[in-house]
C-alpha atoms as a PDB file:
ATOM      1  CA  MET A   1       2.059   6.287  -4.225  1.00  0.00           C
ATOM      2  CA  GLN A   2       2.128   2.932  -2.480  1.00  0.00           C
ATOM      3  CA  GLU A   3       5.190   0.715  -3.006  1.00  0.00           C
ATOM      4  CA  ILE A   4       5.032  -3.081  -2.880  1.00  0.00           C
ATOM      5  CA  LYS A   5       8.025  -5.438  -2.901  1.00  0.00           C
ATOM      6  CA  CYS A   6       7.634  -8.875  -4.481  1.00  0.00           C
ATOM      7  CA  GLN A   7       9.504 -11.738  -6.116  1.00  0.00           C
ATOM      8  CA  ILE A   8       9.972 -12.081  -9.876  1.00  0.00           C
ATOM      9  CA  GLY A   9       7.450 -14.577 -11.271  1.00  0.00           C
ATOM     10  CA  GLU A  10       4.586 -13.814  -8.860  1.00  0.00           C
ATOM     11  CA  LEU A  11       1.148 -13.163 -10.331  1.00  0.00           C
ATOM     12  CA  LEU A  12       0.297  -9.476 -10.312  1.00  0.00           C
ATOM     13  CA  SER A  13      -3.311 -10.241  -9.347  1.00  0.00           C
ATOM     14  CA  GLU A  14      -2.208 -12.119  -6.197  1.00  0.00           C
ATOM     15  CA  ILE A  15       0.149  -9.310  -5.173  1.00  0.00           C
ATOM     16  CA  LEU A  16      -2.550  -6.649  -5.460  1.00  0.00           C
ATOM     17  CA  VAL A  17      -5.157  -8.715  -3.584  1.00  0.00           C
ATOM     18  CA  LYS A  18      -2.689  -9.785  -0.868  1.00  0.00           C
ATOM     19  CA  ASN A  19      -1.708  -6.146  -0.220  1.00  0.00           C
ATOM     20  CA  LYS A  20      -5.383  -5.040  -0.224  1.00  0.00           C
ATOM     21  CA  ILE A  21      -5.040  -2.765  -3.250  1.00  0.00           C
ATOM     22  CA  LEU A  22      -7.909  -4.722  -4.833  1.00  0.00           C
ATOM     23  CA  SER A  23     -10.610  -6.632  -2.987  1.00  0.00           C
ATOM     24  CA  SER A  24     -10.610  -9.802  -5.115  1.00  0.00           C
ATOM     25  CA  LYS A  25      -9.254 -11.516  -8.204  1.00  0.00           C
ATOM     26  CA  GLY A  26     -12.674 -10.975  -9.781  1.00  0.00           C
ATOM     27  CA  GLU A  27     -12.191  -7.231  -9.443  1.00  0.00           C
ATOM     28  CA  TRP A  28      -8.725  -7.631 -11.023  1.00  0.00           C
ATOM     29  CA  ARG A  29     -10.227  -9.535 -13.967  1.00  0.00           C
ATOM     30  CA  ARG A  30     -12.987  -6.925 -14.442  1.00  0.00           C
ATOM     31  CA  LEU A  31     -10.476  -4.051 -14.411  1.00  0.00           C
ATOM     32  CA  VAL A  32      -8.114  -5.774 -16.877  1.00  0.00           C
ATOM     33  CA  LEU A  33     -10.937  -6.612 -19.286  1.00  0.00           C
ATOM     34  CA  GLY A  34     -12.165  -3.012 -19.014  1.00  0.00           C
ATOM     35  CA  ASN A  35      -8.676  -1.634 -19.809  1.00  0.00           C
ATOM     36  CA  ALA A  36      -8.564   0.148 -16.441  1.00  0.00           C
ATOM     37  CA  ILE A  37      -5.029  -0.939 -15.464  1.00  0.00           C
ATOM     38  CA  HIS A  38      -2.279   1.076 -17.112  1.00  0.00           C
ATOM     39  CA  ASN A  39       1.497   0.500 -17.007  1.00  0.00           C
ATOM     40  CA  LEU A  40       2.888   4.026 -16.752  1.00  0.00           C
ATOM     41  CA  ALA A  41       6.497   3.001 -17.503  1.00  0.00           C
ATOM     42  CA  LYS A  42       5.650   1.556 -20.932  1.00  0.00           C
ATOM     43  CA  ASN A  43       2.516   3.668 -21.494  1.00  0.00           C
ATOM     44  CA  GLN A  44       0.406   0.550 -22.207  1.00  0.00           C
ATOM     45  CA  ASN A  45      -2.732  -1.023 -20.790  1.00  0.00           C
ATOM     46  CA  ILE A  46      -2.382  -4.375 -19.034  1.00  0.00           C
ATOM     47  CA  THR A  47      -4.321  -6.918 -21.114  1.00  0.00           C
ATOM     48  CA  ASP A  48      -3.111 -10.247 -19.647  1.00  0.00           C
ATOM     49  CA  VAL A  49      -5.171 -11.450 -16.673  1.00  0.00           C
ATOM     50  CA  ASN A  50      -2.380 -13.906 -15.711  1.00  0.00           C
ATOM     51  CA  LEU A  51       0.491 -11.408 -15.866  1.00  0.00           C
ATOM     52  CA  LYS A  52       3.586 -12.435 -13.906  1.00  0.00           C
ATOM     53  CA  ILE A  53       6.058  -9.880 -12.595  1.00  0.00           C
ATOM     54  CA  ALA A  54       9.286  -9.747 -14.619  1.00  0.00           C
ATOM     55  CA  GLU A  55      10.468  -6.210 -13.807  1.00  0.00           C
ATOM     56  CA  ASP A  56       9.582  -3.129 -11.766  1.00  0.00           C
ATOM     57  CA  LEU A  57       6.191  -1.652 -12.671  1.00  0.00           C
ATOM     58  CA  THR A  58       4.349   1.577 -11.991  1.00  0.00           C
ATOM     59  CA  LEU A  59       0.612   1.051 -12.355  1.00  0.00           C
ATOM     60  CA  LYS A  60      -2.417   3.289 -12.536  1.00  0.00           C
ATOM     61  CA  ILE A  61      -5.513   1.392 -11.419  1.00  0.00           C
ATOM     62  CA  GLY A  62      -8.725   3.109 -12.420  1.00  0.00           C
ATOM     63  CA  LYS A  63      -8.649   6.888 -12.115  1.00  0.00           C
ATOM     64  CA  LYS A  64      -7.175   7.403  -8.661  1.00  0.00           C
ATOM     65  CA  LYS A  65      -4.990   4.481  -7.489  1.00  0.00           C
ATOM     66  CA  PHE A  66      -1.270   4.439  -8.214  1.00  0.00           C
ATOM     67  CA  VAL A  67       1.011   1.561  -7.186  1.00  0.00           C
ATOM     68  CA  LYS A  68       4.723   0.920  -7.655  1.00  0.00           C
ATOM     69  CA  ILE A  69       5.741  -2.762  -7.799  1.00  0.00           C
ATOM     70  CA  LEU A  70       9.406  -3.377  -6.935  1.00  0.00           C
ATOM     71  CA  THR A  71      11.150  -6.705  -7.562  1.00  0.00           C
ATOM     72  CA  LYS A  72      13.701  -8.196  -5.195  1.00  0.00           C
END
């Protein structure tokens, strides 16, 4: 599982694109609208395209990608 460190208040889409987890913000939008991004800690799908980081997250993206977002 890949770990990414970021600041509180950053957009999740920008973090994932900047760290090359996703290729573009368009891909992010498509995955969110298709309910393909899942927050494992809260057992919920991410539904907000403009989600800002407020706490540590563990995400499942699609079927095979797992990412842990850590806040500073």
